[in-house]
Every structure is written in structure tokens, then in C-alpha cells.
Amino acid sequence: MKILVSGGAGYIGSTTVSHLLAAGHEVIVYDNLSRGHRAAVPVEAELIVGDIGDRAHLDGVFALGIDAIIHFAALIEAGESMKKPAEYIQNNVGSSTTLIDAAVANGVDNIVFSSSAAVYASQDHPLHEDSAIQPVNLYGQTKRMVEEILGWYHRLYGLKSCSLRYFNASGASKQGGEIRGENHQPETHLIPLVLQVALNQRESISIFGDDYPTPDGTNVRDYIHIDDLAQAHVKAVEALRDESDALWVYNLGNGFGYSNLEVIETVRQITGHAIPTVMAQRRLGDGAILVASSEKIKKELGWKPLYPELEAIIASAWEWHRTHPQGYSG
């Protein structure tokens, strides 16, 4: 297949591109490079710099003969979404709708959507695909809105889609012979932030709240290795191709969670660094517990995580950060 990957220069997107190429697909990366990195895009993929809100540009790309889309391009910071609601709605919902509508108009009827566990209400046991939907931040709400838009385009035009609700993407990948890791600017995700302390790039790590209803009072999250995420996208886009009708939703996680304090302690063990911590107030939009049940995608698509252990995830991330202390060069 010739697959258009929006946001394919980002952390998850570029890793998925490398897995798609290894599976024999032709890939066009479409990215405005506002958050992604040109250097992260595999050389075997074609990079087109553009914005998913630019309908005229998209129509030109679809004229190249696209068979399917994997849609990553989005603003992704939950805390920022609470401070910049209009920007998140315009980009994540408005521009995604432009992409979806352009796909249908150009005869592309397969789309895998990068959704999020942030659509769910927090609960103290693993979340299933039919668990209560109640985003606690605007980021999660925008993901839910795009899922609903995909549902309407399915009913109106027969668009086939698969929304992958995944939990905390982590670790680094060596797929394709190059290591790819997490390199957000600014960085807000826990594992890379803690590793920055180990690299003496920051003095300490802040813990935002120790009074949550969890065993140690800190947030609990399900961490999933980036390679496992990427493989799920490959399986999803290939399965969509062979279906005549699909409106799928799948969780992606390991089925168990680790608290912030447990993550920090694991980093201490792997890096040998003390990792000083500073307690801070809760952040608006942070839920207590988000852990996935991924039994549905395992059963229906045959997906299985290969790197479920937190130690393996953090060790791979540590290798990336040690060898790329300044991130990508471009």
C-alpha cells in the first residue's frame, strides 16, 4: 500500500513509518515540522512539508495515489490544552476534519487514527473500550471529537476507520537500524524528564501531587513501548484494507500501571543517578489512574506487546538520551 502518515516526523509517527517500510509499504510523510523533526524521518520515506489544515495542498498529495492514512498530526499536551483551548480545537479537530474530508473526496476510505486513553474517565481498574467516556482535559476531548467525526463519515460515506486509544508511549526504537527516541520541545512527559535529571540537564523532577487515590498517592499510568505501538498501527492499517466495513476502536497498553514514584525509582536503578524530587501541586487535567485492557486488539488483530516491562522501556529510552543528549539536529 501507499500510506500517507500525517505527523510522520514526530516521535510515534516516525517509528511507525520505519515499521511500515519494513513491512513493505510505500510511505509518504506529511508534516509541518512544527513539533516533528526532519532527521527522524527514515530516508526511504518521502517527506512532504505541509499542514493538515491546508485542503488545496492535501488534494495535491492525494493525487499521488494514496491507499490509506495513518493520522498522528496533533497537539498532544494535556496541560497546555487547558490553557490554549482554541488552538487545540482548531488544530486537533478542525484540521483533522479537513484531512478526513479531503480523504473521502479523493476516494481514500481507510484511516487509522491516533487517539488516546485521555478520552476515558479515570478508574481504579483496567479500562475497556466500552468504559465510561469522560475526558478530564481538552486534549482528550479533542481526540473524542475526532472519533465521533470518523463515526459520522463512516455512516455518511462508508469511511473505514480504526481509532487506537493508547496510553503512555515510551522508550526508543532501533527499527530500521537507527535509534529513534522521544524529543519534544518543550518536554513534558515523565520518563524523558527524569532521564534529563540523570544527564544533569535539570536539577530535579517535579511530582505533581501526592494525594491521589493510589497506593503511593501519585498518578498511575500504563506505559507502552514505542515499537509495540508502531506494530499495532501496521496491523490496523493492513486489517482495514481487507475489510468492507469497519468502525473500530482499540486500546493499546500493557494492562498494568506504574506510579510516578515507581517510574522514578526504576530510572534510579537503571541510570545509577539519585534523581532528586520536588513535590508540587496537582496539575489541572491530570487523572489519578489510566491503565488499559488491550484484550480486544490481541484477540481481533493478533497484536501482542513485545516489550511490556518498564525496565526494558526505560533502558531503551536511556540509550537514546545518552547518545542524543541534545535531541535531533534537524
Protein backbone atom coordinates (compact mmCIF):
# COMPACT_ATOMS: atom_id res chain seq x y z
CA MET A 1 0.00 0.00 0.00
CA LYS A 2 0.95 3.63 -0.43
CA ILE A 3 0.28 5.10 3.01
CA LEU A 4 0.10 8.77 3.96
CA VAL A 5 1.35 9.31 7.52
CA SER A 6 0.36 12.70 8.89
CA GLY A 7 2.69 13.79 11.66
CA GLY A 8 5.18 11.20 10.47
CA ALA A 9 8.16 13.27 11.62
CA GLY A 10 7.11 13.01 15.25
CA TYR A 11 8.07 10.51 17.93
CA ILE A 12 5.40 7.87 17.35
CA GLY A 13 4.87 8.76 13.70
CA SER A 14 8.48 8.32 12.58
CA THR A 15 8.79 4.99 14.39
CA THR A 16 5.60 3.77 12.75
CA VAL A 17 6.96 4.86 9.36
CA SER A 18 10.04 2.69 9.91
CA HIS A 19 7.84 -0.30 10.73
CA LEU A 20 5.61 0.32 7.69
CA LEU A 21 8.68 0.39 5.44
CA ALA A 22 9.93 -2.86 6.96
CA ALA A 23 6.53 -4.40 6.17
CA GLY A 24 6.96 -3.48 2.50
CA HIS A 25 4.70 -0.44 2.27
CA GLU A 26 5.40 2.80 0.43
CA VAL A 27 5.18 5.77 2.78
CA ILE A 28 4.61 9.48 2.29
CA VAL A 29 5.17 11.55 5.43
CA TYR A 30 3.11 14.74 5.66
CA ASP A 31 4.25 17.01 8.48
CA ASN A 32 4.52 20.76 9.05
CA LEU A 33 7.62 20.18 11.24
CA SER A 34 6.25 22.44 13.98
CA ARG A 35 6.75 19.65 16.51
CA GLY A 36 8.37 16.93 14.39
CA HIS A 37 11.93 16.54 13.17
CA ARG A 38 13.12 16.11 9.61
CA ALA A 39 16.02 13.99 10.87
CA ALA A 40 13.61 11.47 12.43
CA VAL A 41 12.01 10.59 9.08
CA PRO A 42 13.50 7.40 7.54
CA VAL A 43 15.32 8.18 4.32
CA GLU A 44 13.26 5.59 2.43
CA ALA A 45 10.09 7.61 3.04
CA GLU A 46 9.08 10.68 1.03
CA LEU A 47 8.65 13.79 3.17
CA ILE A 48 6.18 16.46 2.12
CA VAL A 49 6.15 19.53 4.37
CA GLY A 50 2.60 20.75 4.79
CA ASP A 51 -0.25 21.36 7.19
CA ILE A 52 -3.27 19.07 7.55
CA GLY A 53 -5.47 22.16 7.55
CA ASP A 54 -4.35 23.08 4.01
CA ARG A 55 -7.02 21.49 1.82
CA ALA A 56 -5.53 22.52 -1.52
CA HIS A 57 -2.15 21.04 -0.59
CA LEU A 58 -3.79 17.84 0.65
CA ASP A 59 -5.69 17.42 -2.61
CA GLY A 60 -2.37 17.55 -4.45
CA VAL A 61 -0.92 14.88 -2.16
CA PHE A 62 -3.92 12.60 -2.61
CA ALA A 63 -3.44 12.88 -6.37
CA LEU A 64 -0.27 10.79 -5.86
CA GLY A 65 -2.46 7.74 -5.33
CA ILE A 66 -2.88 7.22 -1.58
CA ASP A 67 -4.38 3.92 -0.38
CA ALA A 68 -4.65 4.62 3.36
CA ILE A 69 -3.89 7.22 6.03
CA ILE A 70 -2.39 6.92 9.48
CA HIS A 71 -3.22 10.19 11.21
CA PHE A 72 -0.91 11.28 14.03
CA ALA A 73 -0.65 15.05 13.48
CA ALA A 74 -1.95 16.81 16.60
CA LEU A 75 -1.06 18.92 19.58
CA ILE A 76 -0.58 16.47 22.43
CA GLU A 77 -0.03 18.20 25.77
CA ALA A 78 -2.93 17.79 28.20
CA GLY A 79 -1.86 20.68 30.45
CA GLU A 80 -1.30 23.03 27.53
CA SER A 81 -4.73 22.19 26.14
CA MET A 82 -6.32 23.65 29.26
CA LYS A 83 -4.50 26.93 28.66
CA LYS A 84 -4.90 27.11 24.87
CA PRO A 85 -8.34 25.63 24.15
CA ALA A 86 -8.93 27.42 20.85
CA GLU A 87 -5.58 26.31 19.45
CA TYR A 88 -6.25 22.68 20.35
CA ILE A 89 -9.78 22.69 18.95
CA GLN A 90 -8.72 24.37 15.73
CA ASN A 91 -5.72 22.11 15.15
CA ASN A 92 -6.82 18.75 16.54
CA VAL A 93 -10.47 18.91 15.49
CA GLY A 94 -10.72 21.48 12.70
CA SER A 95 -7.63 20.44 10.77
CA SER A 96 -8.33 16.74 11.32
CA THR A 97 -11.76 17.26 9.79
CA THR A 98 -10.13 18.89 6.78
CA LEU A 99 -7.88 15.84 6.36
CA ILE A 100 -10.76 13.39 6.76
CA ASP A 101 -12.96 15.26 4.30
CA ALA A 102 -10.14 15.51 1.75
CA ALA A 103 -9.56 11.77 2.05
CA VAL A 104 -13.20 10.94 1.33
CA ALA A 105 -13.36 13.43 -1.54
CA ASN A 106 -10.31 11.80 -3.11
CA GLY A 107 -11.55 8.24 -2.74
CA VAL A 108 -9.38 7.18 0.22
CA ASP A 109 -11.53 5.10 2.55
CA ASN A 110 -9.05 3.69 5.11
CA ILE A 111 -7.80 5.74 8.05
CA VAL A 112 -6.08 4.76 11.28
CA PHE A 113 -6.45 7.49 13.89
CA SER A 114 -4.05 8.13 16.75
CA SER A 115 -6.47 8.58 19.63
CA SER A 116 -5.77 8.49 23.36
CA ALA A 117 -6.67 6.98 26.70
CA ALA A 118 -7.39 10.57 27.69
CA VAL A 119 -10.93 10.07 26.35
CA TYR A 120 -11.78 7.91 29.37
CA ALA A 121 -12.86 8.70 32.87
CA SER A 122 -10.22 7.64 35.38
CA GLN A 123 -10.96 4.41 37.25
CA ASP A 124 -9.08 2.03 39.53
CA HIS A 125 -9.16 -0.99 37.21
CA PRO A 126 -8.12 -1.52 33.58
CA LEU A 127 -10.15 0.43 31.07
CA HIS A 128 -12.02 -1.36 28.30
CA GLU A 129 -13.20 0.09 25.00
CA ASP A 130 -16.73 0.38 26.42
CA SER A 131 -15.60 2.08 29.65
CA ALA A 132 -17.07 5.46 30.52
CA ILE A 133 -16.03 8.30 28.22
CA GLN A 134 -15.30 11.42 30.26
CA PRO A 135 -12.19 13.40 29.28
CA VAL A 136 -10.75 15.45 32.12
CA ASN A 137 -8.78 17.74 29.79
CA LEU A 138 -9.41 19.41 26.46
CA TYR A 139 -6.75 17.33 24.73
CA GLY A 140 -8.74 14.18 25.49
CA GLN A 141 -11.94 15.91 24.42
CA THR A 142 -10.45 16.78 21.01
CA LYS A 143 -9.49 13.14 20.48
CA ARG A 144 -13.01 12.05 21.35
CA MET A 145 -14.47 14.61 18.96
CA VAL A 146 -12.38 13.29 16.07
CA GLU A 147 -13.51 9.74 16.88
CA GLU A 148 -17.10 10.94 16.63
CA ILE A 149 -16.39 12.72 13.34
CA LEU A 150 -14.95 9.47 11.95
CA GLY A 151 -18.18 7.79 13.03
CA TRP A 152 -20.26 10.28 11.08
CA TYR A 153 -18.09 9.92 7.97
CA HIS A 154 -18.49 6.16 8.29
CA ARG A 155 -22.27 6.47 8.36
CA LEU A 156 -22.46 9.10 5.64
CA TYR A 157 -19.74 7.96 3.23
CA GLY A 158 -18.66 4.47 4.26
CA LEU A 159 -15.24 5.61 5.52
CA LYS A 160 -13.46 2.75 7.26
CA SER A 161 -11.51 3.74 10.35
CA CYS A 162 -9.65 2.35 13.33
CA SER A 163 -9.13 4.59 16.36
CA LEU A 164 -6.26 3.44 18.57
CA ARG A 165 -6.60 4.70 22.13
CA TYR A 166 -3.17 4.32 23.58
CA PHE A 167 -1.67 5.05 26.88
CA ASN A 168 1.80 6.43 27.65
CA ALA A 169 4.08 5.92 24.64
CA SER A 170 7.61 5.40 25.90
CA GLY A 171 11.05 4.07 25.11
CA ALA A 172 13.17 4.21 21.98
CA SER A 173 13.20 2.16 18.79
CA LYS A 174 16.01 0.68 16.72
CA GLN A 175 13.75 -0.39 13.87
CA GLY A 176 15.45 0.20 10.54
CA GLY A 177 18.92 0.38 12.06
CA GLU A 178 18.56 3.88 13.52
CA ILE A 179 17.58 4.67 17.09
CA ARG A 180 14.56 6.96 17.47
CA GLY A 181 13.54 8.45 20.77
CA GLU A 182 11.32 10.99 22.44
CA ASN A 183 12.32 14.57 21.67
CA HIS A 184 9.54 17.05 22.44
CA GLN A 185 10.20 20.77 22.74
CA PRO A 186 9.37 21.57 25.46
CA GLU A 187 9.38 18.14 27.05
CA THR A 188 6.53 17.38 29.46
CA HIS A 189 6.50 13.56 29.62
CA LEU A 190 7.71 11.89 32.78
CA ILE A 191 10.30 9.36 31.58
CA PRO A 192 12.34 11.75 29.39
CA LEU A 193 12.12 14.43 32.07
CA VAL A 194 13.53 12.08 34.71
CA LEU A 195 16.27 10.99 32.31
CA GLN A 196 17.20 14.64 31.83
CA VAL A 197 17.92 14.75 35.57
CA ALA A 198 20.19 11.72 35.16
CA LEU A 199 22.01 13.61 32.39
CA ASN A 200 22.40 16.67 34.65
CA GLN A 201 20.23 18.71 32.27
CA ARG A 202 17.89 19.61 35.13
CA GLU A 203 18.40 19.57 38.88
CA SER A 204 15.31 17.63 39.94
CA ILE A 205 11.99 16.19 38.83
CA SER A 206 8.70 17.65 40.00
CA ILE A 207 5.94 15.34 41.22
CA PHE A 208 2.58 16.98 40.67
CA GLY A 209 0.53 15.78 43.59
CA ASP A 210 0.97 13.03 46.17
CA ASP A 211 -2.64 12.88 47.37
CA TYR A 212 -4.29 10.93 44.57
CA PRO A 213 -6.31 7.80 45.47
CA THR A 214 -3.43 5.48 44.51
CA PRO A 215 -1.14 3.26 46.62
CA ASP A 216 1.59 5.91 46.97
CA GLY A 217 -0.51 9.00 46.25
CA THR A 218 0.99 9.73 42.83
CA ASN A 219 -0.54 9.27 39.36
CA VAL A 220 -0.56 5.75 37.92
CA ARG A 221 -0.10 5.25 34.18
CA ASP A 222 0.21 2.36 31.72
CA TYR A 223 3.46 2.65 29.75
CA ILE A 224 3.76 1.07 26.31
CA HIS A 225 6.92 0.69 24.23
CA ILE A 226 7.04 2.72 21.03
CA ASP A 227 7.79 -0.36 18.90
CA ASP A 228 4.70 -2.11 20.25
CA LEU A 229 2.61 0.94 19.38
CA ALA A 230 4.04 1.10 15.88
CA GLN A 231 3.34 -2.56 15.21
CA ALA A 232 -0.29 -2.05 16.23
CA HIS A 233 -0.65 0.68 13.60
CA VAL A 234 0.77 -1.60 10.92
CA LYS A 235 -1.65 -4.38 11.87
CA ALA A 236 -4.58 -1.95 11.94
CA VAL A 237 -3.96 -0.39 8.54
CA GLU A 238 -3.41 -3.79 6.93
CA ALA A 239 -6.58 -5.19 8.50
CA LEU A 240 -8.66 -2.21 7.34
CA ARG A 241 -7.59 -2.82 3.75
CA ASP A 242 -9.17 -6.26 3.83
CA GLU A 243 -12.47 -5.20 5.43
CA SER A 244 -15.54 -3.99 3.55
CA ASP A 245 -16.95 -2.17 6.58
CA ALA A 246 -15.14 -1.06 9.73
CA LEU A 247 -15.54 1.42 12.56
CA TRP A 248 -13.07 0.03 15.06
CA VAL A 249 -11.80 1.23 18.42
CA TYR A 250 -8.94 -0.48 20.26
CA ASN A 251 -7.00 0.19 23.43
CA LEU A 252 -3.23 -0.16 23.40
CA GLY A 253 -1.43 -0.70 26.67
CA ASN A 254 0.18 -3.36 28.82
CA GLY A 255 -2.70 -3.84 31.24
CA PHE A 256 -0.91 -2.67 34.39
CA GLY A 257 0.24 0.66 35.68
CA TYR A 258 3.19 2.25 37.44
CA SER A 259 3.06 5.27 39.69
CA ASN A 260 5.25 8.31 39.17
CA LEU A 261 7.35 7.29 42.15
CA GLU A 262 7.81 3.78 40.75
CA VAL A 263 8.98 5.21 37.41
CA ILE A 264 11.48 7.47 39.17
CA GLU A 265 12.82 4.58 41.26
CA THR A 266 13.26 2.44 38.13
CA VAL A 267 15.21 5.26 36.47
CA ARG A 268 17.44 5.44 39.55
CA GLN A 269 18.20 1.74 39.27
CA ILE A 270 18.96 1.86 35.53
CA THR A 271 20.99 5.08 35.46
CA GLY A 272 22.64 4.96 38.88
CA HIS A 273 21.61 8.58 39.44
CA ALA A 274 19.99 9.77 42.68
CA ILE A 275 17.17 11.70 40.88
CA PRO A 276 16.20 14.39 43.42
CA THR A 277 12.43 15.05 43.54
CA VAL A 278 10.37 18.13 44.37
CA MET A 279 6.73 17.86 45.41
CA ALA A 280 4.40 20.26 43.62
CA GLN A 281 0.67 20.91 43.43
CA ARG A 282 -1.61 18.88 41.19
CA ARG A 283 -1.90 19.95 37.57
CA LEU A 284 -5.25 20.76 36.05
CA GLY A 285 -6.43 17.90 33.85
CA ASP A 286 -4.41 15.07 35.42
CA GLY A 287 -6.39 11.93 36.24
CA ALA A 288 -5.43 9.55 39.04
CA ILE A 289 -5.23 6.21 37.20
CA LEU A 290 -5.16 5.31 33.50
CA VAL A 291 -4.48 1.66 32.74
CA ALA A 292 -5.56 -0.23 29.61
CA SER A 293 -7.10 -3.56 28.85
CA SER A 294 -5.87 -4.48 25.36
CA GLU A 295 -7.54 -7.88 25.13
CA LYS A 296 -9.76 -6.81 22.24
CA ILE A 297 -6.96 -5.92 19.81
CA LYS A 298 -4.99 -9.00 20.88
CA LYS A 299 -7.96 -11.22 20.05
CA GLU A 300 -9.16 -9.50 16.88
CA LEU A 301 -5.92 -8.33 15.22
CA GLY A 302 -3.38 -10.64 16.84
CA TRP A 303 -1.37 -7.82 18.38
CA LYS A 304 0.94 -8.64 21.28
CA PRO A 305 3.33 -6.30 23.10
CA LEU A 306 6.93 -7.49 22.89
CA TYR A 307 8.40 -5.12 25.48
CA PRO A 308 5.90 -4.85 28.37
CA GLU A 309 8.43 -4.47 31.18
CA LEU A 310 9.01 -0.96 32.49
CA GLU A 311 12.72 -1.74 32.90
CA ALA A 312 13.08 -2.55 29.18
CA ILE A 313 11.15 0.56 28.19
CA ILE A 314 13.26 2.87 30.34
CA ALA A 315 16.53 1.17 29.38
CA SER A 316 15.82 1.80 25.69
CA ALA A 317 14.89 5.42 26.41
CA TRP A 318 18.09 5.84 28.43
CA GLU A 319 20.17 4.62 25.49
CA TRP A 320 18.54 7.22 23.22
CA HIS A 321 19.02 10.09 25.66
CA ARG A 322 22.63 9.17 26.43
CA THR A 323 23.52 9.05 22.73
CA HIS A 324 21.37 12.07 21.76
CA PRO A 325 21.69 14.45 24.72
CA GLN A 326 20.70 17.40 22.54
CA GLY A 327 17.95 15.55 20.69
CA TYR A 328 17.63 15.64 16.92
CA SER A 329 19.78 18.05 14.95
CA GLY A 330 17.03 18.87 12.49
